[in-house]
């Protein structure tokens, strides 16, 4: 393990890139440099997890309130939207309203 502090002035060393493509630890207050032969990091690709629906799954909108509205898109014949309100923030903030258009869109 390389040193974390400069042996000359005891300042914390930072990771920097060398002109040759490698990495080094260098001091910001004095000219001390220490070349690193092994990388200090490695890139890992993780598998994405399947997210669960925040609002309770596919049946969460079944009991939502519905209202008749005209869809603003010209090629849409939907005339109904479901909505519900949730108190996400503190009590002195207004409720957050979530909308979902009718499934017969487009």
PDB file of N, CA and C in Angstrom:
ATOM      1  N   UNK A   1       0.848  -1.179   0.000  1.00  0.00           N
ATOM      2  CA  UNK A   1       0.000   0.000   0.000  1.00  0.00           C
ATOM      3  C   UNK A   1       0.887   1.233   0.000  1.00  0.00           C
ATOM      4  N   UNK A   2       0.634   2.154  -0.918  1.00  0.00           N
ATOM      5  CA  UNK A   2       1.451   3.370  -0.958  1.00  0.00           C
ATOM      6  C   UNK A   2       1.141   4.263   0.238  1.00  0.00           C
ATOM      7  N   UNK A   3       2.047   5.171   0.503  1.00  0.00           N
ATOM      8  CA  UNK A   3       1.845   6.098   1.604  1.00  0.00           C
ATOM      9  C   UNK A   3       0.724   7.069   1.252  1.00  0.00           C
ATOM     10  N   UNK A   4      -0.042   7.475   2.254  1.00  0.00           N
ATOM     11  CA  UNK A   4      -1.138   8.404   2.028  1.00  0.00           C
ATOM     12  C   UNK A   4      -0.750   9.842   2.303  1.00  0.00           C
ATOM     13  N   UNK A   5       0.357  10.036   3.034  1.00  0.00           N
ATOM     14  CA  UNK A   5       0.801  11.377   3.372  1.00  0.00           C
ATOM     15  C   UNK A   5       2.219  11.580   2.847  1.00  0.00           C
ATOM     16  N   UNK A   6       2.519  12.797   2.486  1.00  0.00           N
ATOM     17  CA  UNK A   6       3.841  13.148   1.964  1.00  0.00           C
ATOM     18  C   UNK A   6       4.891  12.954   3.054  1.00  0.00           C
ATOM     19  N   UNK A   7       6.014  12.244   2.758  1.00  0.00           N
ATOM     20  CA  UNK A   7       7.044  12.062   3.769  1.00  0.00           C
ATOM     21  C   UNK A   7       7.843  13.334   4.048  1.00  0.00           C
ATOM     22  N   UNK A   8       7.738  14.336   3.163  1.00  0.00           N
ATOM     23  CA  UNK A   8       8.479  15.585   3.354  1.00  0.00           C
ATOM     24  C   UNK A   8       7.707  16.600   4.195  1.00  0.00           C
ATOM     25  N   UNK A   9       6.410  16.793   3.873  1.00  0.00           N
ATOM     26  CA  UNK A   9       5.657  17.857   4.543  1.00  0.00           C
ATOM     27  C   UNK A   9       4.385  17.369   5.239  1.00  0.00           C
ATOM     28  N   UNK A  10       4.078  16.089   5.185  1.00  0.00           N
ATOM     29  CA  UNK A  10       2.918  15.468   5.840  1.00  0.00           C
ATOM     30  C   UNK A  10       1.579  15.938   5.274  1.00  0.00           C
ATOM     31  N   UNK A  11       1.568  16.413   4.029  1.00  0.00           N
ATOM     32  CA  UNK A  11       0.322  16.790   3.365  1.00  0.00           C
ATOM     33  C   UNK A  11      -0.286  15.544   2.731  1.00  0.00           C
ATOM     34  N   UNK A  12      -1.607  15.493   2.670  1.00  0.00           N
ATOM     35  CA  UNK A  12      -2.296  14.368   2.059  1.00  0.00           C
ATOM     36  C   UNK A  12      -1.948  14.297   0.572  1.00  0.00           C
ATOM     37  N   UNK A  13      -1.546  13.114   0.101  1.00  0.00           N
ATOM     38  CA  UNK A  13      -1.204  12.931  -1.305  1.00  0.00           C
ATOM     39  C   UNK A  13      -2.474  12.718  -2.116  1.00  0.00           C
ATOM     40  N   UNK A  14      -2.488  13.211  -3.363  1.00  0.00           N
ATOM     41  CA  UNK A  14      -3.633  13.043  -4.239  1.00  0.00           C
ATOM     42  C   UNK A  14      -3.233  12.164  -5.415  1.00  0.00           C
ATOM     43  N   UNK A  15      -4.220  11.535  -5.994  1.00  0.00           N
ATOM     44  CA  UNK A  15      -3.999  10.665  -7.141  1.00  0.00           C
ATOM     45  C   UNK A  15      -3.980  11.517  -8.403  1.00  0.00           C
ATOM     46  N   UNK A  16      -2.956  11.336  -9.240  1.00  0.00           N
ATOM     47  CA  UNK A  16      -2.827  12.095 -10.484  1.00  0.00           C
ATOM     48  C   UNK A  16      -2.413  11.140 -11.597  1.00  0.00           C
ATOM     49  N   UNK A  17      -2.653  11.561 -12.815  1.00  0.00           N
ATOM     50  CA  UNK A  17      -2.295  10.759 -13.982  1.00  0.00           C
ATOM     51  C   UNK A  17      -0.944  11.215 -14.513  1.00  0.00           C
ATOM     52  N   UNK A  18      -0.082  10.262 -14.841  1.00  0.00           N
ATOM     53  CA  UNK A  18       1.225  10.599 -15.414  1.00  0.00           C
ATOM     54  C   UNK A  18       1.085  10.795 -16.917  1.00  0.00           C
ATOM     55  N   UNK A  19       2.040  11.463 -17.510  1.00  0.00           N
ATOM     56  CA  UNK A  19       2.021  11.696 -18.952  1.00  0.00           C
ATOM     57  C   UNK A  19       2.156  10.392 -19.727  1.00  0.00           C
ATOM     58  N   UNK A  20       2.790   9.380 -19.130  1.00  0.00           N
ATOM     59  CA  UNK A  20       2.985   8.092 -19.805  1.00  0.00           C
ATOM     60  C   UNK A  20       1.749   7.213 -19.734  1.00  0.00           C
ATOM     61  N   UNK A  21       0.711   7.648 -19.007  1.00  0.00           N
ATOM     62  CA  UNK A  21      -0.526   6.879 -18.951  1.00  0.00           C
ATOM     63  C   UNK A  21      -0.752   6.176 -17.626  1.00  0.00           C
ATOM     64  N   UNK A  22       0.226   6.112 -16.756  1.00  0.00           N
ATOM     65  CA  UNK A  22       0.048   5.474 -15.461  1.00  0.00           C
ATOM     66  C   UNK A  22      -0.500   6.445 -14.430  1.00  0.00           C
ATOM     67  N   UNK A  23      -0.542   6.011 -13.182  1.00  0.00           N
ATOM     68  CA  UNK A  23      -1.002   6.862 -12.092  1.00  0.00           C
ATOM     69  C   UNK A  23       0.140   7.135 -11.131  1.00  0.00           C
ATOM     70  N   UNK A  24      -0.010   8.196 -10.363  1.00  0.00           N
ATOM     71  CA  UNK A  24       0.987   8.528  -9.353  1.00  0.00           C
ATOM     72  C   UNK A  24       0.301   9.235  -8.199  1.00  0.00           C
ATOM     73  N   UNK A  25       0.950   9.204  -7.047  1.00  0.00           N
ATOM     74  CA  UNK A  25       0.541  10.002  -5.909  1.00  0.00           C
ATOM     75  C   UNK A  25       1.446  11.213  -5.876  1.00  0.00           C
ATOM     76  N   UNK A  26       0.851  12.398  -5.741  1.00  0.00           N
ATOM     77  CA  UNK A  26       1.667  13.603  -5.733  1.00  0.00           C
ATOM     78  C   UNK A  26       1.215  14.533  -4.612  1.00  0.00           C
ATOM     79  N   UNK A  27       2.158  15.349  -4.165  1.00  0.00           N
ATOM     80  CA  UNK A  27       1.908  16.323  -3.115  1.00  0.00           C
ATOM     81  C   UNK A  27       1.606  17.662  -3.760  1.00  0.00           C
ATOM     82  N   UNK A  28       0.621  18.389  -3.223  1.00  0.00           N
ATOM     83  CA  UNK A  28       0.251  19.691  -3.769  1.00  0.00           C
ATOM     84  C   UNK A  28       1.128  20.820  -3.234  1.00  0.00           C
ATOM     85  N   UNK A  29       1.848  20.590  -2.135  1.00  0.00           N
ATOM     86  CA  UNK A  29       2.637  21.669  -1.557  1.00  0.00           C
ATOM     87  C   UNK A  29       4.127  21.563  -1.840  1.00  0.00           C
ATOM     88  N   UNK A  30       4.618  20.375  -2.128  1.00  0.00           N
ATOM     89  CA  UNK A  30       6.040  20.223  -2.450  1.00  0.00           C
ATOM     90  C   UNK A  30       6.168  19.348  -3.695  1.00  0.00           C
ATOM     91  N   UNK A  31       7.337  19.200  -4.278  1.00  0.00           N
ATOM     92  CA  UNK A  31       7.470  18.462  -5.540  1.00  0.00           C
ATOM     93  C   UNK A  31       7.511  16.932  -5.396  1.00  0.00           C
ATOM     94  N   UNK A  32       7.085  16.371  -4.276  1.00  0.00           N
ATOM     95  CA  UNK A  32       7.145  14.921  -4.068  1.00  0.00           C
ATOM     96  C   UNK A  32       6.151  14.215  -4.992  1.00  0.00           C
ATOM     97  N   UNK A  33       6.630  13.134  -5.657  1.00  0.00           N
ATOM     98  CA  UNK A  33       5.800  12.282  -6.512  1.00  0.00           C
ATOM     99  C   UNK A  33       6.172  10.840  -6.252  1.00  0.00           C
ATOM    100  N   UNK A  34       5.170   9.939  -6.315  1.00  0.00           N
ATOM    101  CA  UNK A  34       5.407   8.514  -6.127  1.00  0.00           C
ATOM    102  C   UNK A  34       4.619   7.767  -7.196  1.00  0.00           C
ATOM    103  N   UNK A  35       5.294   7.077  -8.096  1.00  0.00           N
ATOM    104  CA  UNK A  35       4.632   6.331  -9.166  1.00  0.00           C
ATOM    105  C   UNK A  35       3.949   5.091  -8.588  1.00  0.00           C
ATOM    106  N   UNK A  36       2.792   4.750  -9.139  1.00  0.00           N
ATOM    107  CA  UNK A  36       2.018   3.602  -8.678  1.00  0.00           C
ATOM    108  C   UNK A  36       2.033   2.559  -9.785  1.00  0.00           C
ATOM    109  N   UNK A  37       2.420   1.340  -9.423  1.00  0.00           N
ATOM    110  CA  UNK A  37       2.488   0.279 -10.436  1.00  0.00           C
ATOM    111  C   UNK A  37       1.177  -0.483 -10.554  1.00  0.00           C
ATOM    112  N   UNK A  38       0.406  -0.582  -9.475  1.00  0.00           N
ATOM    113  CA  UNK A  38      -0.880  -1.287  -9.515  1.00  0.00           C
ATOM    114  C   UNK A  38      -2.001  -0.250  -9.499  1.00  0.00           C
ATOM    115  N   UNK A  39      -3.096  -0.490 -10.209  1.00  0.00           N
ATOM    116  CA  UNK A  39      -4.186   0.491 -10.215  1.00  0.00           C
ATOM    117  C   UNK A  39      -4.884   0.553  -8.850  1.00  0.00           C
ATOM    118  N   UNK A  40      -5.335   1.737  -8.487  1.00  0.00           N
ATOM    119  CA  UNK A  40      -6.044   1.918  -7.220  1.00  0.00           C
ATOM    120  C   UNK A  40      -7.549   1.738  -7.373  1.00  0.00           C
ATOM    121  N   UNK A  41      -7.996   1.501  -8.566  1.00  0.00           N
ATOM    122  CA  UNK A  41      -9.420   1.311  -8.786  1.00  0.00           C
ATOM    123  C   UNK A  41      -9.604   0.227  -9.842  1.00  0.00           C
ATOM    124  N   UNK A  42     -10.785  -0.286  -9.930  1.00  0.00           N
ATOM    125  CA  UNK A  42     -11.143  -1.209 -10.998  1.00  0.00           C
ATOM    126  C   UNK A  42     -12.598  -0.972 -11.361  1.00  0.00           C
ATOM    127  N   UNK A  43     -12.925  -1.089 -12.609  1.00  0.00           N
ATOM    128  CA  UNK A  43     -14.291  -0.869 -13.078  1.00  0.00           C
ATOM    129  C   UNK A  43     -15.037  -2.194 -13.063  1.00  0.00           C
ATOM    130  N   UNK A  44     -16.226  -2.167 -12.476  1.00  0.00           N
ATOM    131  CA  UNK A  44     -17.057  -3.369 -12.403  1.00  0.00           C
ATOM    132  C   UNK A  44     -18.403  -3.063 -13.038  1.00  0.00           C
ATOM    133  N   UNK A  45     -18.910  -4.005 -13.792  1.00  0.00           N
ATOM    134  CA  UNK A  45     -20.241  -3.886 -14.367  1.00  0.00           C
ATOM    135  C   UNK A  45     -21.185  -4.741 -13.542  1.00  0.00           C
ATOM    136  N   UNK A  46     -22.182  -4.117 -12.959  1.00  0.00           N
ATOM    137  CA  UNK A  46     -23.138  -4.823 -12.128  1.00  0.00           C
ATOM    138  C   UNK A  46     -24.391  -5.128 -12.929  1.00  0.00           C
ATOM    139  N   UNK A  47     -25.039  -6.210 -12.577  1.00  0.00           N
ATOM    140  CA  UNK A  47     -26.312  -6.563 -13.201  1.00  0.00           C
ATOM    141  C   UNK A  47     -27.385  -5.623 -12.655  1.00  0.00           C
ATOM    142  N   UNK A  48     -28.246  -5.140 -13.541  1.00  0.00           N
ATOM    143  CA  UNK A  48     -29.329  -4.262 -13.102  1.00  0.00           C
ATOM    144  C   UNK A  48     -30.404  -5.091 -12.410  1.00  0.00           C
ATOM    145  N   UNK A  49     -30.883  -4.561 -11.298  1.00  0.00           N
ATOM    146  CA  UNK A  49     -31.955  -5.218 -10.575  1.00  0.00           C
ATOM    147  C   UNK A  49     -33.289  -4.799 -11.174  1.00  0.00           C
ATOM    148  N   UNK A  50     -34.237  -5.689 -11.094  1.00  0.00           N
ATOM    149  CA  UNK A  50     -35.580  -5.373 -11.538  1.00  0.00           C
ATOM    150  C   UNK A  50     -36.230  -4.498 -10.473  1.00  0.00           C
ATOM    151  N   UNK A  51     -36.679  -3.319 -10.861  1.00  0.00           N
ATOM    152  CA  UNK A  51     -37.268  -2.394  -9.896  1.00  0.00           C
ATOM    153  C   UNK A  51     -38.721  -2.758  -9.637  1.00  0.00           C
ATOM    154  N   UNK A  52     -39.110  -2.640  -8.393  1.00  0.00           N
ATOM    155  CA  UNK A  52     -40.519  -2.822  -8.079  1.00  0.00           C
ATOM    156  C   UNK A  52     -41.234  -1.498  -8.292  1.00  0.00           C
ATOM    157  N   UNK A  53     -42.488  -1.562  -8.618  1.00  0.00           N
ATOM    158  CA  UNK A  53     -43.245  -0.352  -8.878  1.00  0.00           C
ATOM    159  C   UNK A  53     -43.427   0.409  -7.571  1.00  0.00           C
ATOM    160  N   UNK A  54     -43.111   1.688  -7.590  1.00  0.00           N
ATOM    161  CA  UNK A  54     -43.169   2.512  -6.390  1.00  0.00           C
ATOM    162  C   UNK A  54     -44.604   2.651  -5.887  1.00  0.00           C
ATOM    163  N   UNK A  55     -45.565   2.639  -6.786  1.00  0.00           N
ATOM    164  CA  UNK A  55     -46.950   2.875  -6.408  1.00  0.00           C
ATOM    165  C   UNK A  55     -47.713   1.597  -6.104  1.00  0.00           C
ATOM    166  N   UNK A  56     -47.063   0.452  -6.052  1.00  0.00           N
ATOM    167  CA  UNK A  56     -47.755  -0.751  -5.616  1.00  0.00           C
ATOM    168  C   UNK A  56     -48.008  -1.789  -6.689  1.00  0.00           C
ATOM    169  N   UNK A  57     -47.384  -1.732  -7.819  1.00  0.00           N
ATOM    170  CA  UNK A  57     -47.526  -2.771  -8.827  1.00  0.00           C
ATOM    171  C   UNK A  57     -48.558  -2.444  -9.885  1.00  0.00           C
ATOM    172  N   UNK A  58     -48.913  -3.439 -10.699  1.00  0.00           N
ATOM    173  CA  UNK A  58     -49.803  -3.177 -11.834  1.00  0.00           C
ATOM    174  C   UNK A  58     -51.226  -2.817 -11.432  1.00  0.00           C
ATOM    175  N   UNK A  59     -51.697  -3.234 -10.274  1.00  0.00           N
ATOM    176  CA  UNK A  59     -53.067  -2.927  -9.860  1.00  0.00           C
ATOM    177  C   UNK A  59     -53.202  -1.676  -9.032  1.00  0.00           C
ATOM    178  N   UNK A  60     -52.172  -0.897  -8.909  1.00  0.00           N
ATOM    179  CA  UNK A  60     -52.210   0.282  -8.051  1.00  0.00           C
ATOM    180  C   UNK A  60     -53.141   1.365  -8.602  1.00  0.00           C
ATOM    181  N   UNK A  61     -53.292   1.443  -9.909  1.00  0.00           N
ATOM    182  CA  UNK A  61     -54.115   2.492 -10.513  1.00  0.00           C
ATOM    183  C   UNK A  61     -55.576   2.076 -10.662  1.00  0.00           C
ATOM    184  N   UNK A  62     -55.931   0.840 -10.266  1.00  0.00           N
ATOM    185  CA  UNK A  62     -57.309   0.371 -10.451  1.00  0.00           C
ATOM    186  C   UNK A  62     -58.309   1.178  -9.636  1.00  0.00           C
ATOM    187  N   UNK A  63     -57.946   1.556  -8.428  1.00  0.00           N
ATOM    188  CA  UNK A  63     -58.862   2.283  -7.546  1.00  0.00           C
ATOM    189  C   UNK A  63     -58.593   3.775  -7.511  1.00  0.00           C
ATOM    190  N   UNK A  64     -57.800   4.276  -8.460  1.00  0.00           N
ATOM    191  CA  UNK A  64     -57.497   5.708  -8.500  1.00  0.00           C
ATOM    192  C   UNK A  64     -58.710   6.487  -8.977  1.00  0.00           C
ATOM    193  N   UNK A  65     -58.796   7.742  -8.582  1.00  0.00           N
ATOM    194  CA  UNK A  65     -59.874   8.606  -9.045  1.00  0.00           C
ATOM    195  C   UNK A  65     -59.675   8.892 -10.525  1.00  0.00           C
ATOM    196  N   UNK A  66     -60.774   9.036 -11.246  1.00  0.00           N
ATOM    197  CA  UNK A  66     -60.692   9.277 -12.681  1.00  0.00           C
ATOM    198  C   UNK A  66     -61.453  10.538 -13.033  1.00  0.00           C
ATOM    199  N   UNK A  67     -60.976  11.186 -14.050  1.00  0.00           N
ATOM    200  CA  UNK A  67     -61.638  12.391 -14.529  1.00  0.00           C
ATOM    201  C   UNK A  67     -61.612  12.442 -16.033  1.00  0.00           C
ATOM    202  N   UNK A  68     -62.616  13.118 -16.607  1.00  0.00           N
ATOM    203  CA  UNK A  68     -62.682  13.228 -18.058  1.00  0.00           C
ATOM    204  C   UNK A  68     -61.896  14.474 -18.474  1.00  0.00           C
ATOM    205  N   UNK A  69     -60.915  14.254 -19.323  1.00  0.00           N
ATOM    206  CA  UNK A  69     -60.078  15.339 -19.833  1.00  0.00           C
ATOM    207  C   UNK A  69     -59.819  15.101 -21.310  1.00  0.00           C
ATOM    208  N   UNK A  70     -59.543  16.162 -22.024  1.00  0.00           N
ATOM    209  CA  UNK A  70     -59.190  16.042 -23.432  1.00  0.00           C
ATOM    210  C   UNK A  70     -57.683  15.932 -23.539  1.00  0.00           C
ATOM    211  N   UNK A  71     -57.191  14.917 -24.238  1.00  0.00           N
ATOM    212  CA  UNK A  71     -55.760  14.732 -24.412  1.00  0.00           C
ATOM    213  C   UNK A  71     -55.214  15.837 -25.315  1.00  0.00           C
ATOM    214  N   UNK A  72     -54.076  16.459 -24.949  1.00  0.00           N
ATOM    215  CA  UNK A  72     -53.540  17.555 -25.775  1.00  0.00           C
ATOM    216  C   UNK A  72     -52.911  17.085 -27.083  1.00  0.00           C
ATOM    217  N   UNK A  73     -52.581  15.805 -27.217  1.00  0.00           N
ATOM    218  CA  UNK A  73     -51.980  15.316 -28.464  1.00  0.00           C
ATOM    219  C   UNK A  73     -53.059  15.209 -29.539  1.00  0.00           C
ATOM    220  N   UNK A  74     -52.727  15.587 -30.754  1.00  0.00           N
ATOM    221  CA  UNK A  74     -53.715  15.598 -31.824  1.00  0.00           C
ATOM    222  C   UNK A  74     -54.086  14.194 -32.299  1.00  0.00           C
ATOM    223  N   UNK A  75     -53.191  13.221 -32.175  1.00  0.00           N
ATOM    224  CA  UNK A  75     -53.472  11.862 -32.654  1.00  0.00           C
ATOM    225  C   UNK A  75     -53.965  10.951 -31.541  1.00  0.00           C
ATOM    226  N   UNK A  76     -54.386  11.496 -30.408  1.00  0.00           N
ATOM    227  CA  UNK A  76     -54.845  10.706 -29.265  1.00  0.00           C
ATOM    228  C   UNK A  76     -56.346  10.891 -29.095  1.00  0.00           C
ATOM    229  N   UNK A  77     -57.064   9.783 -28.912  1.00  0.00           N
ATOM    230  CA  UNK A  77     -58.507   9.884 -28.686  1.00  0.00           C
ATOM    231  C   UNK A  77     -58.869   9.595 -27.230  1.00  0.00           C
ATOM    232  N   UNK A  78     -57.882   9.609 -26.342  1.00  0.00           N
ATOM    233  CA  UNK A  78     -58.145   9.358 -24.929  1.00  0.00           C
ATOM    234  C   UNK A  78     -58.913  10.510 -24.307  1.00  0.00           C
ATOM    235  N   UNK A  79     -59.892  10.186 -23.482  1.00  0.00           N
ATOM    236  CA  UNK A  79     -60.687  11.224 -22.840  1.00  0.00           C
ATOM    237  C   UNK A  79     -60.795  11.007 -21.336  1.00  0.00           C
ATOM    238  N   UNK A  80     -59.908  10.181 -20.779  1.00  0.00           N
ATOM    239  CA  UNK A  80     -59.966   9.891 -19.359  1.00  0.00           C
ATOM    240  C   UNK A  80     -58.551   9.815 -18.785  1.00  0.00           C
ATOM    241  N   UNK A  81     -58.381  10.331 -17.582  1.00  0.00           N
ATOM    242  CA  UNK A  81     -57.094  10.268 -16.900  1.00  0.00           C
ATOM    243  C   UNK A  81     -57.328   9.871 -15.452  1.00  0.00           C
ATOM    244  N   UNK A  82     -56.440   9.032 -14.929  1.00  0.00           N
ATOM    245  CA  UNK A  82     -56.506   8.629 -13.522  1.00  0.00           C
ATOM    246  C   UNK A  82     -55.490   9.453 -12.739  1.00  0.00           C
ATOM    247  N   UNK A  83     -55.827   9.746 -11.493  1.00  0.00           N
ATOM    248  CA  UNK A  83     -54.902  10.519 -10.676  1.00  0.00           C
ATOM    249  C   UNK A  83     -55.081  10.128  -9.217  1.00  0.00           C
ATOM    250  N   UNK A  84     -54.024  10.316  -8.451  1.00  0.00           N
ATOM    251  CA  UNK A  84     -54.119  10.217  -7.000  1.00  0.00           C
ATOM    252  C   UNK A  84     -53.089  11.121  -6.375  1.00  0.00           C
ATOM    253  N   UNK A  85     -53.329  11.487  -5.122  1.00  0.00           N
ATOM    254  CA  UNK A  85     -52.465  12.419  -4.422  1.00  0.00           C
ATOM    255  C   UNK A  85     -51.816  11.739  -3.234  1.00  0.00           C
ATOM    256  N   UNK A  86     -50.538  12.074  -3.019  1.00  0.00           N
ATOM    257  CA  UNK A  86     -49.763  11.503  -1.922  1.00  0.00           C
ATOM    258  C   UNK A  86     -49.055  12.647  -1.202  1.00  0.00           C
ATOM    259  N   UNK A  87     -49.045  12.577   0.120  1.00  0.00           N
ATOM    260  CA  UNK A  87     -48.325  13.567   0.911  1.00  0.00           C
ATOM    261  C   UNK A  87     -46.887  13.102   1.033  1.00  0.00           C
ATOM    262  N   UNK A  88     -46.001  13.611   0.185  1.00  0.00           N
ATOM    263  CA  UNK A  88     -44.603  13.186   0.161  1.00  0.00           C
ATOM    264  C   UNK A  88     -43.762  14.039   1.090  1.00  0.00           C
ATOM    265  N   UNK A  89     -43.984  15.334   1.068  1.00  0.00           N
ATOM    266  CA  UNK A  89     -43.189  16.250   1.877  1.00  0.00           C
ATOM    267  C   UNK A  89     -43.857  16.462   3.233  1.00  0.00           C
ATOM    268  N   UNK A  90     -43.368  17.430   3.979  1.00  0.00           N
ATOM    269  CA  UNK A  90     -43.930  17.695   5.302  1.00  0.00           C
ATOM    270  C   UNK A  90     -45.345  18.269   5.168  1.00  0.00           C
ATOM    271  N   UNK A  91     -46.032  18.394   6.286  1.00  0.00           N
ATOM    272  CA  UNK A  91     -47.443  18.773   6.270  1.00  0.00           C
ATOM    273  C   UNK A  91     -47.662  20.198   5.772  1.00  0.00           C
ATOM    274  N   UNK A  92     -46.671  21.072   5.866  1.00  0.00           N
ATOM    275  CA  UNK A  92     -46.869  22.440   5.405  1.00  0.00           C
ATOM    276  C   UNK A  92     -46.665  22.596   3.893  1.00  0.00           C
ATOM    277  N   UNK A  93     -46.314  21.532   3.203  1.00  0.00           N
ATOM    278  CA  UNK A  93     -46.169  21.540   1.743  1.00  0.00           C
ATOM    279  C   UNK A  93     -47.426  20.932   1.117  1.00  0.00           C
ATOM    280  N   UNK A  94     -47.766  21.314  -0.120  1.00  0.00           N
ATOM    281  CA  UNK A  94     -48.949  20.721  -0.767  1.00  0.00           C
ATOM    282  C   UNK A  94     -48.711  19.266  -1.156  1.00  0.00           C
ATOM    283  N   UNK A  95     -49.817  18.550  -1.361  1.00  0.00           N
ATOM    284  CA  UNK A  95     -49.728  17.149  -1.768  1.00  0.00           C
ATOM    285  C   UNK A  95     -49.219  17.062  -3.206  1.00  0.00           C
ATOM    286  N   UNK A  96     -48.583  15.935  -3.533  1.00  0.00           N
ATOM    287  CA  UNK A  96     -48.094  15.695  -4.888  1.00  0.00           C
ATOM    288  C   UNK A  96     -49.135  14.883  -5.640  1.00  0.00           C
ATOM    289  N   UNK A  97     -49.486  15.311  -6.840  1.00  0.00           N
ATOM    290  CA  UNK A  97     -50.494  14.636  -7.647  1.00  0.00           C
ATOM    291  C   UNK A  97     -49.817  13.870  -8.769  1.00  0.00           C
ATOM    292  N   UNK A  98     -50.184  12.599  -8.935  1.00  0.00           N
ATOM    293  CA  UNK A  98     -49.672  11.754 -10.002  1.00  0.00           C
ATOM    294  C   UNK A  98     -50.804  11.476 -10.982  1.00  0.00           C
ATOM    295  N   UNK A  99     -50.513  11.602 -12.279  1.00  0.00           N
ATOM    296  CA  UNK A  99     -51.503  11.399 -13.332  1.00  0.00           C
ATOM    297  C   UNK A  99     -51.094  10.232 -14.216  1.00  0.00           C
ATOM    298  N   UNK A 100     -52.082   9.560 -14.775  1.00  0.00           N
ATOM    299  CA  UNK A 100     -51.836   8.506 -15.758  1.00  0.00           C
ATOM    300  C   UNK A 100     -52.991   8.558 -16.752  1.00  0.00           C
ATOM    301  N   UNK A 101     -52.656   8.585 -18.045  1.00  0.00           N
ATOM    302  CA  UNK A 101     -53.672   8.660 -19.072  1.00  0.00           C
ATOM    303  C   UNK A 101     -54.315   7.293 -19.274  1.00  0.00           C
ATOM    304  N   UNK A 102     -55.457   7.305 -19.891  1.00  0.00           N
ATOM    305  CA  UNK A 102     -56.200   6.075 -20.154  1.00  0.00           C
ATOM    306  C   UNK A 102     -55.385   5.141 -21.054  1.00  0.00           C
ATOM    307  N   UNK A 103     -55.494   3.827 -20.873  1.00  0.00           N
ATOM    308  CA  UNK A 103     -54.686   2.906 -21.692  1.00  0.00           C
ATOM    309  C   UNK A 103     -55.063   2.878 -23.160  1.00  0.00           C
ATOM    310  N   UNK A 104     -56.164   3.468 -23.569  1.00  0.00           N
ATOM    311  CA  UNK A 104     -56.509   3.453 -24.978  1.00  0.00           C
ATOM    312  C   UNK A 104     -55.946   4.631 -25.726  1.00  0.00           C
ATOM    313  N   UNK A 105     -54.735   5.017 -25.393  1.00  0.00           N
ATOM    314  CA  UNK A 105     -54.068   6.143 -26.046  1.00  0.00           C
ATOM    315  C   UNK A 105     -53.432   5.674 -27.350  1.00  0.00           C
ATOM    316  N   UNK A 106     -53.497   6.487 -28.362  1.00  0.00           N
ATOM    317  CA  UNK A 106     -52.942   6.273 -29.700  1.00  0.00           C
ATOM    318  C   UNK A 106     -53.669   5.131 -30.310  1.00  0.00           C
TER     319      UNK A 106
END
